[in-house]
């Protein structure tokens, strides 16, 4: 189950999360995932970026940031979709959020569920 997060509330939701998030970009053949430490600006999210991430954003500017469940919310991950632009001589990305959700972890989907049948 997903709960919509209004764009005006994204910064507050991020502030309550752990500092590390995961940035998902789309490569030529598959998604590329890296851990990042986002900084929230005025309606934007800024993250560091390596060469592969920068190249992916040049081809596909749509990205997703994922904050897994943590102590502040053990039931929901925070997902923020947005459009990224490369800034600061190719070393950072500025993400302009377009939508956000709190995504509920499926009960019984973790290690406590045991091995699959």
C-alpha atoms as a PDB file:
ATOM      1  CA  UNK A   1       0.000   0.000   0.000  1.00  0.00           C
ATOM      2  CA  UNK A   2       1.268   3.443  -0.875  1.00  0.00           C
ATOM      3  CA  UNK A   3       0.500   6.785   0.719  1.00  0.00           C
ATOM      4  CA  UNK A   4       0.934   9.879  -1.433  1.00  0.00           C
ATOM      5  CA  UNK A   5       3.271  12.532  -0.040  1.00  0.00           C
ATOM      6  CA  UNK A   6       2.569  16.080  -1.157  1.00  0.00           C
ATOM      7  CA  UNK A   7       5.584  17.776  -2.740  1.00  0.00           C
ATOM      8  CA  UNK A   8       5.440  20.519  -0.098  1.00  0.00           C
ATOM      9  CA  UNK A   9       5.952  17.812   2.568  1.00  0.00           C
ATOM     10  CA  UNK A  10       8.911  16.022   0.945  1.00  0.00           C
ATOM     11  CA  UNK A  11      11.601  18.049   2.754  1.00  0.00           C
ATOM     12  CA  UNK A  12      10.035  17.353   6.160  1.00  0.00           C
ATOM     13  CA  UNK A  13       9.754  13.631   5.384  1.00  0.00           C
ATOM     14  CA  UNK A  14      13.423  13.520   4.338  1.00  0.00           C
ATOM     15  CA  UNK A  15      14.500  15.408   7.472  1.00  0.00           C
ATOM     16  CA  UNK A  16      13.065  12.607   9.626  1.00  0.00           C
ATOM     17  CA  UNK A  17      14.948   9.866   7.739  1.00  0.00           C
ATOM     18  CA  UNK A  18      18.447   8.441   7.970  1.00  0.00           C
ATOM     19  CA  UNK A  19      21.050  10.477   6.074  1.00  0.00           C
ATOM     20  CA  UNK A  20      21.713   7.817   3.436  1.00  0.00           C
ATOM     21  CA  UNK A  21      19.374   7.184   0.524  1.00  0.00           C
ATOM     22  CA  UNK A  22      19.659   5.221  -2.710  1.00  0.00           C
ATOM     23  CA  UNK A  23      19.605   6.944  -6.090  1.00  0.00           C
ATOM     24  CA  UNK A  24      18.240   4.905  -8.984  1.00  0.00           C
ATOM     25  CA  UNK A  25      19.090   5.966 -12.539  1.00  0.00           C
ATOM     26  CA  UNK A  26      18.417   4.145 -15.777  1.00  0.00           C
ATOM     27  CA  UNK A  27      21.382   2.890 -17.783  1.00  0.00           C
ATOM     28  CA  UNK A  28      21.321   1.530 -21.311  1.00  0.00           C
ATOM     29  CA  UNK A  29      20.545  -2.001 -20.194  1.00  0.00           C
ATOM     30  CA  UNK A  30      19.479  -1.891 -16.550  1.00  0.00           C
ATOM     31  CA  UNK A  31      18.951   0.378 -13.559  1.00  0.00           C
ATOM     32  CA  UNK A  32      21.995   1.729 -11.733  1.00  0.00           C
ATOM     33  CA  UNK A  33      21.752   2.143  -7.938  1.00  0.00           C
ATOM     34  CA  UNK A  34      24.161   4.101  -5.725  1.00  0.00           C
ATOM     35  CA  UNK A  35      24.047   5.229  -2.109  1.00  0.00           C
ATOM     36  CA  UNK A  36      23.998   8.999  -1.627  1.00  0.00           C
ATOM     37  CA  UNK A  37      23.750  11.564   1.152  1.00  0.00           C
ATOM     38  CA  UNK A  38      21.106  14.015  -0.080  1.00  0.00           C
ATOM     39  CA  UNK A  39      20.958  17.688   0.837  1.00  0.00           C
ATOM     40  CA  UNK A  40      17.518  19.250   0.682  1.00  0.00           C
ATOM     41  CA  UNK A  41      17.307  22.711  -0.837  1.00  0.00           C
ATOM     42  CA  UNK A  42      14.448  24.998  -1.763  1.00  0.00           C
ATOM     43  CA  UNK A  43      12.234  22.455  -3.506  1.00  0.00           C
ATOM     44  CA  UNK A  44      15.230  20.444  -4.723  1.00  0.00           C
ATOM     45  CA  UNK A  45      17.416  17.581  -3.549  1.00  0.00           C
ATOM     46  CA  UNK A  46      21.158  17.685  -4.277  1.00  0.00           C
ATOM     47  CA  UNK A  47      23.302  14.533  -4.347  1.00  0.00           C
ATOM     48  CA  UNK A  48      26.859  13.656  -5.317  1.00  0.00           C
ATOM     49  CA  UNK A  49      27.285  11.846  -8.628  1.00  0.00           C
ATOM     50  CA  UNK A  50      29.894   9.631 -10.249  1.00  0.00           C
ATOM     51  CA  UNK A  51      30.640   9.290 -13.969  1.00  0.00           C
ATOM     52  CA  UNK A  52      28.138   6.484 -14.634  1.00  0.00           C
ATOM     53  CA  UNK A  53      25.343   8.281 -12.794  1.00  0.00           C
ATOM     54  CA  UNK A  54      26.055  11.509 -14.698  1.00  0.00           C
ATOM     55  CA  UNK A  55      26.052   9.639 -18.023  1.00  0.00           C
ATOM     56  CA  UNK A  56      22.774   7.923 -17.146  1.00  0.00           C
ATOM     57  CA  UNK A  57      21.106  11.224 -16.234  1.00  0.00           C
ATOM     58  CA  UNK A  58      22.299  12.785 -19.494  1.00  0.00           C
ATOM     59  CA  UNK A  59      20.400  10.051 -21.377  1.00  0.00           C
ATOM     60  CA  UNK A  60      17.480   9.555 -18.939  1.00  0.00           C
ATOM     61  CA  UNK A  61      16.925  12.459 -16.512  1.00  0.00           C
ATOM     62  CA  UNK A  62      14.124  10.688 -14.624  1.00  0.00           C
ATOM     63  CA  UNK A  63      15.434   9.326 -11.303  1.00  0.00           C
ATOM     64  CA  UNK A  64      14.158   7.832  -8.066  1.00  0.00           C
ATOM     65  CA  UNK A  65      15.492   8.360  -4.555  1.00  0.00           C
ATOM     66  CA  UNK A  66      14.720   5.664  -1.972  1.00  0.00           C
ATOM     67  CA  UNK A  67      14.975   5.956   1.787  1.00  0.00           C
ATOM     68  CA  UNK A  68      14.432   2.470   3.270  1.00  0.00           C
ATOM     69  CA  UNK A  69      12.520   1.916   6.473  1.00  0.00           C
ATOM     70  CA  UNK A  70      14.368   3.123   9.552  1.00  0.00           C
ATOM     71  CA  UNK A  71      13.840   3.960  13.216  1.00  0.00           C
ATOM     72  CA  UNK A  72      11.636   6.954  12.327  1.00  0.00           C
ATOM     73  CA  UNK A  73       9.254   4.758  10.295  1.00  0.00           C
ATOM     74  CA  UNK A  74       9.686   0.993  10.423  1.00  0.00           C
ATOM     75  CA  UNK A  75       6.654   0.360   8.198  1.00  0.00           C
ATOM     76  CA  UNK A  76       7.266   2.628   5.195  1.00  0.00           C
ATOM     77  CA  UNK A  77      10.035   3.367   2.722  1.00  0.00           C
ATOM     78  CA  UNK A  78      10.075   6.859   1.207  1.00  0.00           C
ATOM     79  CA  UNK A  79      10.294   7.016  -2.585  1.00  0.00           C
ATOM     80  CA  UNK A  80      10.792  10.336  -4.370  1.00  0.00           C
ATOM     81  CA  UNK A  81      10.639  10.469  -8.163  1.00  0.00           C
ATOM     82  CA  UNK A  82      12.070  13.442  -9.972  1.00  0.00           C
ATOM     83  CA  UNK A  83      13.918  14.938 -12.870  1.00  0.00           C
ATOM     84  CA  UNK A  84      17.671  15.433 -12.415  1.00  0.00           C
ATOM     85  CA  UNK A  85      20.104  17.864 -13.930  1.00  0.00           C
ATOM     86  CA  UNK A  86      23.890  17.678 -13.727  1.00  0.00           C
ATOM     87  CA  UNK A  87      25.504  20.574 -11.858  1.00  0.00           C
ATOM     88  CA  UNK A  88      28.824  21.599 -10.327  1.00  0.00           C
ATOM     89  CA  UNK A  89      31.091  20.455 -13.180  1.00  0.00           C
ATOM     90  CA  UNK A  90      29.445  17.036 -13.315  1.00  0.00           C
ATOM     91  CA  UNK A  91      29.993  16.142  -9.658  1.00  0.00           C
ATOM     92  CA  UNK A  92      26.471  16.668  -8.337  1.00  0.00           C
ATOM     93  CA  UNK A  93      22.893  16.256  -9.425  1.00  0.00           C
ATOM     94  CA  UNK A  94      20.005  18.514  -8.595  1.00  0.00           C
ATOM     95  CA  UNK A  95      16.780  16.544  -8.397  1.00  0.00           C
ATOM     96  CA  UNK A  96      13.473  18.324  -8.880  1.00  0.00           C
ATOM     97  CA  UNK A  97      10.841  16.113  -7.212  1.00  0.00           C
ATOM     98  CA  UNK A  98       7.763  15.291  -9.297  1.00  0.00           C
ATOM     99  CA  UNK A  99       6.045  12.810  -6.959  1.00  0.00           C
ATOM    100  CA  UNK A 100       6.607  11.026  -3.665  1.00  0.00           C
ATOM    101  CA  UNK A 101       5.084   8.147  -1.744  1.00  0.00           C
ATOM    102  CA  UNK A 102       5.451   6.268   1.493  1.00  0.00           C
ATOM    103  CA  UNK A 103       5.504   2.630   0.440  1.00  0.00           C
ATOM    104  CA  UNK A 104       4.449   0.099   3.050  1.00  0.00           C
ATOM    105  CA  UNK A 105       6.676  -2.903   3.553  1.00  0.00           C
ATOM    106  CA  UNK A 106       4.761  -6.067   2.742  1.00  0.00           C
ATOM    107  CA  UNK A 107       4.182  -8.055   5.959  1.00  0.00           C
ATOM    108  CA  UNK A 108       6.163 -11.279   6.033  1.00  0.00           C
ATOM    109  CA  UNK A 109       8.523 -10.173   3.252  1.00  0.00           C
ATOM    110  CA  UNK A 110      11.648  -9.860   5.397  1.00  0.00           C
ATOM    111  CA  UNK A 111      14.063 -12.372   6.827  1.00  0.00           C
ATOM    112  CA  UNK A 112      11.556 -13.289   9.527  1.00  0.00           C
ATOM    113  CA  UNK A 113       9.332 -14.803   6.841  1.00  0.00           C
ATOM    114  CA  UNK A 114      11.767 -17.684   6.375  1.00  0.00           C
ATOM    115  CA  UNK A 115      12.791 -19.358   3.151  1.00  0.00           C
ATOM    116  CA  UNK A 116      10.491 -19.420   0.154  1.00  0.00           C
ATOM    117  CA  UNK A 117       8.647 -22.628  -0.657  1.00  0.00           C
END
